[in-house]
Each structure stands twice: as C-alpha cells, then as structure tokens.
C-alpha cells in the first residue's frame, strides 16, 4: 500500500531552520543534509510502520513513530504519525537527535496541524 506523505507546517519550518543552521557551518554539508532528509521522508510512502515508535509516544493520544536520518553525531529524528483511514503519513517535526524529547506542552501543537 502506498501512503501520501504530508509535511506539516511545523516540520517544514524545522527543515528550513536546520538547513540554515547547517549552512552557516558548511553550505555543502547543508545541501547534502537537505537532500537526504527529503529523500528519507519520501521513503515513508512505503511501509511507514517499519519505523520504531518514538520514545515520547506515551504522551501522545495517537501513535507517533520516528525515522532517524544521518550518522552520529548528526542524527536527526523525523517524527510522524500514520493516518490509516486516509492512507497518509503526517510528518510532525524534524529534530536533532541531541535535543530533549518533546514535552507535553508541545504535543498538542503538532496534532492540531
């Protein structure tokens, strides 16, 4: 089954912000990171349930999964949910792996998008 992937506004803003931060350090690395993240998000069209449940899923009222992108120390977590009824994957946020897990106050913002 093929899923339609929707990158929600917060995730799109995260991608742009991460790109700009990396670009200040290395334009070439930032371009590679951007292409890799977009490519990995696109893989979610096929079998998104292959990805692990995110550690902070216990605070969500829906199942949140994560796809990790990159290598240590530059691992990013692509957090998403699968909407089975509409055969969609909603990408919620793209966060550096070193950042703290999502907190309760952040959860509702992602689910309202």
N, C-alpha and C. Protein backbone atom coordinates (compact mmCIF):
# COMPACT_ATOMS: atom_id res chain seq x y z
N UNK A 1 0.85 -1.18 0.00
CA UNK A 1 0.00 0.00 0.00
C UNK A 1 0.90 1.24 0.00
N UNK A 2 0.53 2.20 -0.80
CA UNK A 2 1.26 3.45 -0.88
C UNK A 2 0.55 4.52 -0.06
N UNK A 3 1.32 5.25 0.72
CA UNK A 3 0.81 6.33 1.54
C UNK A 3 1.18 7.68 0.93
N UNK A 4 0.31 8.64 1.12
CA UNK A 4 0.62 10.02 0.74
C UNK A 4 1.31 10.67 1.95
N UNK A 5 2.45 11.31 1.70
CA UNK A 5 3.19 11.96 2.79
C UNK A 5 2.89 13.45 2.78
N UNK A 6 2.42 13.95 3.93
CA UNK A 6 2.19 15.38 4.13
C UNK A 6 3.19 15.89 5.14
N UNK A 7 3.98 16.86 4.74
CA UNK A 7 4.90 17.50 5.67
C UNK A 7 4.16 18.70 6.27
N UNK A 8 3.84 18.60 7.54
CA UNK A 8 3.06 19.65 8.19
C UNK A 8 3.91 20.91 8.38
N UNK A 9 3.26 22.07 8.53
CA UNK A 9 3.99 23.35 8.58
C UNK A 9 5.13 23.39 9.60
N UNK A 10 4.93 22.82 10.79
CA UNK A 10 6.00 22.84 11.79
C UNK A 10 7.21 22.05 11.29
N UNK A 11 6.98 20.92 10.67
CA UNK A 11 8.08 20.11 10.15
C UNK A 11 8.81 20.84 9.03
N UNK A 12 8.05 21.49 8.17
CA UNK A 12 8.66 22.27 7.08
C UNK A 12 9.54 23.38 7.65
N UNK A 13 9.04 24.05 8.68
CA UNK A 13 9.82 25.12 9.33
C UNK A 13 11.07 24.54 9.99
N UNK A 14 10.95 23.37 10.59
CA UNK A 14 12.11 22.71 11.19
C UNK A 14 13.17 22.40 10.15
N UNK A 15 12.76 21.89 9.01
CA UNK A 15 13.70 21.55 7.94
C UNK A 15 14.45 22.80 7.49
N UNK A 16 13.72 23.88 7.28
CA UNK A 16 14.34 25.13 6.83
C UNK A 16 15.30 25.66 7.90
N UNK A 17 14.88 25.65 9.15
CA UNK A 17 15.72 26.15 10.24
C UNK A 17 16.99 25.31 10.38
N UNK A 18 16.85 23.99 10.33
CA UNK A 18 18.02 23.11 10.42
C UNK A 18 18.97 23.33 9.24
N UNK A 19 18.39 23.50 8.06
CA UNK A 19 19.22 23.75 6.87
C UNK A 19 20.04 25.02 7.04
N UNK A 20 19.40 26.10 7.49
CA UNK A 20 20.10 27.37 7.65
C UNK A 20 21.20 27.28 8.71
N UNK A 21 20.93 26.57 9.79
CA UNK A 21 21.95 26.41 10.84
C UNK A 21 23.15 25.64 10.31
N UNK A 22 22.89 24.59 9.56
CA UNK A 22 23.99 23.81 8.97
C UNK A 22 24.72 24.60 7.89
N UNK A 23 23.97 25.40 7.14
CA UNK A 23 24.53 26.17 6.04
C UNK A 23 25.58 27.16 6.54
N UNK A 24 25.38 27.70 7.73
CA UNK A 24 26.35 28.63 8.30
C UNK A 24 27.70 27.95 8.55
N UNK A 25 27.65 26.66 8.85
CA UNK A 25 28.88 25.90 9.11
C UNK A 25 29.50 25.36 7.82
N UNK A 26 28.63 24.85 6.94
CA UNK A 26 29.11 24.25 5.69
C UNK A 26 27.98 24.20 4.68
N UNK A 27 28.01 25.07 3.67
CA UNK A 27 26.96 25.05 2.65
C UNK A 27 26.83 23.69 1.96
N UNK A 28 27.96 23.06 1.69
CA UNK A 28 27.92 21.76 1.02
C UNK A 28 27.26 20.70 1.90
N UNK A 29 27.63 20.66 3.17
CA UNK A 29 27.03 19.69 4.10
C UNK A 29 25.53 19.95 4.26
N UNK A 30 25.15 21.22 4.30
CA UNK A 30 23.73 21.57 4.45
C UNK A 30 22.93 21.07 3.26
N UNK A 31 23.47 21.22 2.07
CA UNK A 31 22.77 20.76 0.87
C UNK A 31 22.62 19.24 0.89
N UNK A 32 23.67 18.54 1.28
CA UNK A 32 23.59 17.08 1.39
C UNK A 32 22.59 16.64 2.43
N UNK A 33 22.58 17.33 3.58
CA UNK A 33 21.62 17.01 4.63
C UNK A 33 20.20 17.20 4.14
N UNK A 34 19.95 18.32 3.46
CA UNK A 34 18.61 18.63 2.97
C UNK A 34 18.12 17.54 2.01
N UNK A 35 18.97 17.17 1.08
CA UNK A 35 18.59 16.14 0.11
C UNK A 35 18.32 14.80 0.79
N UNK A 36 19.16 14.45 1.76
CA UNK A 36 19.00 13.18 2.46
C UNK A 36 17.69 13.15 3.25
N UNK A 37 17.41 14.23 3.98
CA UNK A 37 16.18 14.27 4.77
C UNK A 37 14.95 14.18 3.87
N UNK A 38 14.94 14.94 2.79
CA UNK A 38 13.80 14.88 1.86
C UNK A 38 13.64 13.48 1.27
N UNK A 39 14.75 12.87 0.92
CA UNK A 39 14.71 11.53 0.35
C UNK A 39 14.19 10.51 1.37
N UNK A 40 14.64 10.62 2.60
CA UNK A 40 14.20 9.69 3.62
C UNK A 40 12.73 9.90 3.97
N UNK A 41 12.28 11.13 3.98
CA UNK A 41 10.85 11.38 4.20
C UNK A 41 10.04 10.72 3.09
N UNK A 42 10.53 10.80 1.87
CA UNK A 42 9.83 10.20 0.73
C UNK A 42 9.69 8.68 0.89
N UNK A 43 10.64 8.03 1.59
CA UNK A 43 10.54 6.58 1.78
C UNK A 43 9.33 6.20 2.62
N UNK A 44 8.76 7.16 3.34
CA UNK A 44 7.60 6.87 4.18
C UNK A 44 6.35 6.55 3.35
N UNK A 45 6.42 6.74 2.04
CA UNK A 45 5.28 6.35 1.19
C UNK A 45 5.08 4.84 1.21
N UNK A 46 6.13 4.10 1.51
CA UNK A 46 6.07 2.64 1.54
C UNK A 46 6.36 2.13 2.94
N UNK A 47 5.45 1.40 3.51
CA UNK A 47 5.62 0.73 4.79
C UNK A 47 6.15 1.64 5.91
N UNK A 48 5.46 2.71 6.22
CA UNK A 48 5.93 3.60 7.29
C UNK A 48 5.94 2.93 8.67
N UNK A 49 5.16 1.87 8.83
CA UNK A 49 5.11 1.18 10.12
C UNK A 49 6.40 0.44 10.42
N UNK A 50 7.32 0.38 9.47
CA UNK A 50 8.63 -0.24 9.71
C UNK A 50 9.45 0.54 10.72
N UNK A 51 9.12 1.82 10.88
CA UNK A 51 9.88 2.70 11.77
C UNK A 51 9.44 2.49 13.22
N UNK A 52 10.38 2.69 14.12
CA UNK A 52 10.13 2.49 15.54
C UNK A 52 9.15 3.51 16.10
N UNK A 53 8.46 3.12 17.15
CA UNK A 53 7.61 4.05 17.89
C UNK A 53 8.56 5.02 18.61
N UNK A 54 8.24 6.31 18.55
CA UNK A 54 9.08 7.34 19.17
C UNK A 54 9.04 7.21 20.69
N UNK A 55 10.15 7.51 21.37
CA UNK A 55 10.20 7.40 22.83
C UNK A 55 9.12 8.22 23.54
N UNK A 56 8.78 9.37 22.98
CA UNK A 56 7.79 10.22 23.65
C UNK A 56 6.35 9.87 23.27
N UNK A 57 6.15 8.78 22.57
CA UNK A 57 4.81 8.39 22.12
C UNK A 57 3.83 8.23 23.28
N UNK A 58 4.34 7.92 24.46
CA UNK A 58 3.45 7.71 25.60
C UNK A 58 2.67 8.97 25.99
N UNK A 59 3.13 10.17 25.59
CA UNK A 59 2.40 11.38 25.94
C UNK A 59 1.42 11.81 24.85
N UNK A 60 1.46 11.13 23.71
CA UNK A 60 0.53 11.43 22.62
C UNK A 60 -0.70 10.54 22.75
N UNK A 61 -1.81 10.99 22.22
CA UNK A 61 -3.00 10.16 22.22
C UNK A 61 -3.09 9.35 20.93
N UNK A 62 -2.14 9.54 20.05
CA UNK A 62 -2.03 8.74 18.82
C UNK A 62 -0.61 8.21 18.75
N UNK A 63 -0.42 7.15 17.98
CA UNK A 63 0.90 6.56 17.87
C UNK A 63 1.83 7.44 17.03
N UNK A 64 2.95 7.80 17.59
CA UNK A 64 3.95 8.61 16.90
C UNK A 64 5.16 7.73 16.66
N UNK A 65 5.65 7.75 15.44
CA UNK A 65 6.83 6.96 15.07
C UNK A 65 7.96 7.89 14.69
N UNK A 66 9.16 7.32 14.58
CA UNK A 66 10.31 8.12 14.20
C UNK A 66 11.15 7.39 13.17
N UNK A 67 11.70 8.18 12.28
CA UNK A 67 12.66 7.71 11.29
C UNK A 67 13.93 8.50 11.56
N UNK A 68 15.03 7.80 11.80
CA UNK A 68 16.27 8.50 12.07
C UNK A 68 17.04 8.72 10.78
N UNK A 69 17.64 9.89 10.68
CA UNK A 69 18.36 10.28 9.48
C UNK A 69 19.76 10.73 9.87
N UNK A 70 20.76 10.23 9.17
CA UNK A 70 22.13 10.66 9.42
C UNK A 70 22.90 9.69 10.29
N UNK A 71 24.11 10.13 10.65
CA UNK A 71 25.01 9.34 11.49
C UNK A 71 25.42 10.18 12.69
N UNK A 72 25.78 9.49 13.74
CA UNK A 72 26.23 10.16 14.96
C UNK A 72 27.46 11.01 14.64
N UNK A 73 27.57 12.24 15.05
CA UNK A 73 26.70 12.96 15.97
C UNK A 73 25.58 13.76 15.27
N UNK A 74 25.43 13.58 13.98
CA UNK A 74 24.46 14.38 13.24
C UNK A 74 23.16 13.67 12.94
N UNK A 75 22.63 12.95 13.91
CA UNK A 75 21.38 12.22 13.71
C UNK A 75 20.20 13.16 13.92
N UNK A 76 19.25 13.10 13.00
CA UNK A 76 18.00 13.85 13.12
C UNK A 76 16.86 12.86 13.22
N UNK A 77 15.85 13.23 14.00
CA UNK A 77 14.67 12.39 14.17
C UNK A 77 13.51 13.00 13.40
N UNK A 78 12.95 12.24 12.50
CA UNK A 78 11.77 12.64 11.73
C UNK A 78 10.58 11.99 12.44
N UNK A 79 9.79 12.81 13.14
CA UNK A 79 8.64 12.29 13.88
C UNK A 79 7.39 12.41 13.02
N UNK A 80 6.61 11.33 12.98
CA UNK A 80 5.43 11.31 12.12
C UNK A 80 4.36 10.42 12.71
N UNK A 81 3.17 10.56 12.18
CA UNK A 81 2.08 9.65 12.53
C UNK A 81 1.47 9.10 11.26
N UNK A 82 0.95 7.91 11.37
CA UNK A 82 0.29 7.25 10.25
C UNK A 82 -1.21 7.42 10.43
N UNK A 83 -1.88 7.97 9.40
CA UNK A 83 -3.33 8.14 9.43
C UNK A 83 -3.90 7.07 8.49
N UNK A 84 -4.22 5.93 9.07
CA UNK A 84 -4.61 4.77 8.28
C UNK A 84 -5.87 5.01 7.44
N UNK A 85 -6.83 5.74 8.00
CA UNK A 85 -8.11 5.94 7.29
C UNK A 85 -7.91 6.62 5.93
N UNK A 86 -6.99 7.56 5.86
CA UNK A 86 -6.78 8.30 4.61
C UNK A 86 -5.50 7.87 3.89
N UNK A 87 -4.82 6.84 4.42
CA UNK A 87 -3.57 6.35 3.82
C UNK A 87 -2.56 7.48 3.69
N UNK A 88 -2.41 8.23 4.79
CA UNK A 88 -1.47 9.35 4.81
C UNK A 88 -0.46 9.18 5.94
N UNK A 89 0.69 9.79 5.75
CA UNK A 89 1.70 9.93 6.78
C UNK A 89 1.86 11.42 7.00
N UNK A 90 1.72 11.87 8.24
CA UNK A 90 1.88 13.28 8.59
C UNK A 90 3.21 13.46 9.30
N UNK A 91 4.14 14.15 8.66
CA UNK A 91 5.43 14.44 9.28
C UNK A 91 5.20 15.63 10.21
N UNK A 92 5.47 15.43 11.50
CA UNK A 92 5.17 16.42 12.52
C UNK A 92 6.33 17.38 12.78
N UNK A 93 7.53 16.84 12.87
CA UNK A 93 8.70 17.66 13.19
C UNK A 93 9.96 16.93 12.78
N UNK A 94 11.02 17.68 12.57
CA UNK A 94 12.35 17.13 12.28
C UNK A 94 13.29 17.76 13.29
N UNK A 95 13.82 16.95 14.20
CA UNK A 95 14.61 17.44 15.33
C UNK A 95 15.97 16.77 15.38
N UNK A 96 16.97 17.53 15.79
CA UNK A 96 18.28 16.93 16.01
C UNK A 96 18.16 15.91 17.13
N UNK A 97 18.85 14.79 16.98
CA UNK A 97 18.77 13.72 17.95
C UNK A 97 19.26 14.08 19.34
N UNK A 98 20.08 15.12 19.46
CA UNK A 98 20.60 15.53 20.76
C UNK A 98 19.59 16.38 21.54
N UNK A 99 18.55 16.85 20.87
CA UNK A 99 17.56 17.67 21.58
C UNK A 99 16.75 16.82 22.53
N UNK A 100 16.23 17.46 23.58
CA UNK A 100 15.37 16.76 24.53
C UNK A 100 14.14 16.24 23.79
N UNK A 101 13.54 15.21 24.37
CA UNK A 101 12.30 14.66 23.81
C UNK A 101 11.21 15.73 23.88
N UNK A 102 10.20 15.58 23.04
CA UNK A 102 9.07 16.50 23.06
C UNK A 102 8.43 16.49 24.44
N UNK A 103 7.95 17.65 24.86
CA UNK A 103 7.27 17.76 26.14
C UNK A 103 5.78 17.87 25.92
N UNK A 104 5.02 17.65 27.00
CA UNK A 104 3.56 17.69 26.93
C UNK A 104 3.03 18.94 26.23
N UNK A 105 3.62 20.10 26.55
CA UNK A 105 3.11 21.36 26.02
C UNK A 105 3.30 21.48 24.51
N UNK A 106 4.25 20.72 23.95
CA UNK A 106 4.50 20.76 22.51
C UNK A 106 3.57 19.83 21.73
N UNK A 107 3.07 18.83 22.40
CA UNK A 107 2.32 17.77 21.74
C UNK A 107 1.10 18.29 21.00
N UNK A 108 0.26 19.04 21.67
CA UNK A 108 -0.99 19.49 21.06
C UNK A 108 -0.76 20.32 19.81
N UNK A 109 0.28 21.14 19.84
CA UNK A 109 0.60 21.98 18.67
C UNK A 109 0.81 21.12 17.42
N UNK A 110 1.51 20.00 17.58
CA UNK A 110 1.78 19.13 16.45
C UNK A 110 0.53 18.44 15.95
N UNK A 111 -0.32 18.03 16.86
CA UNK A 111 -1.51 17.29 16.45
C UNK A 111 -2.60 18.17 15.87
N UNK A 112 -2.54 19.47 16.13
CA UNK A 112 -3.55 20.38 15.59
C UNK A 112 -3.26 20.80 14.15
N UNK A 113 -2.05 20.55 13.69
CA UNK A 113 -1.64 20.97 12.33
C UNK A 113 -2.42 20.22 11.27
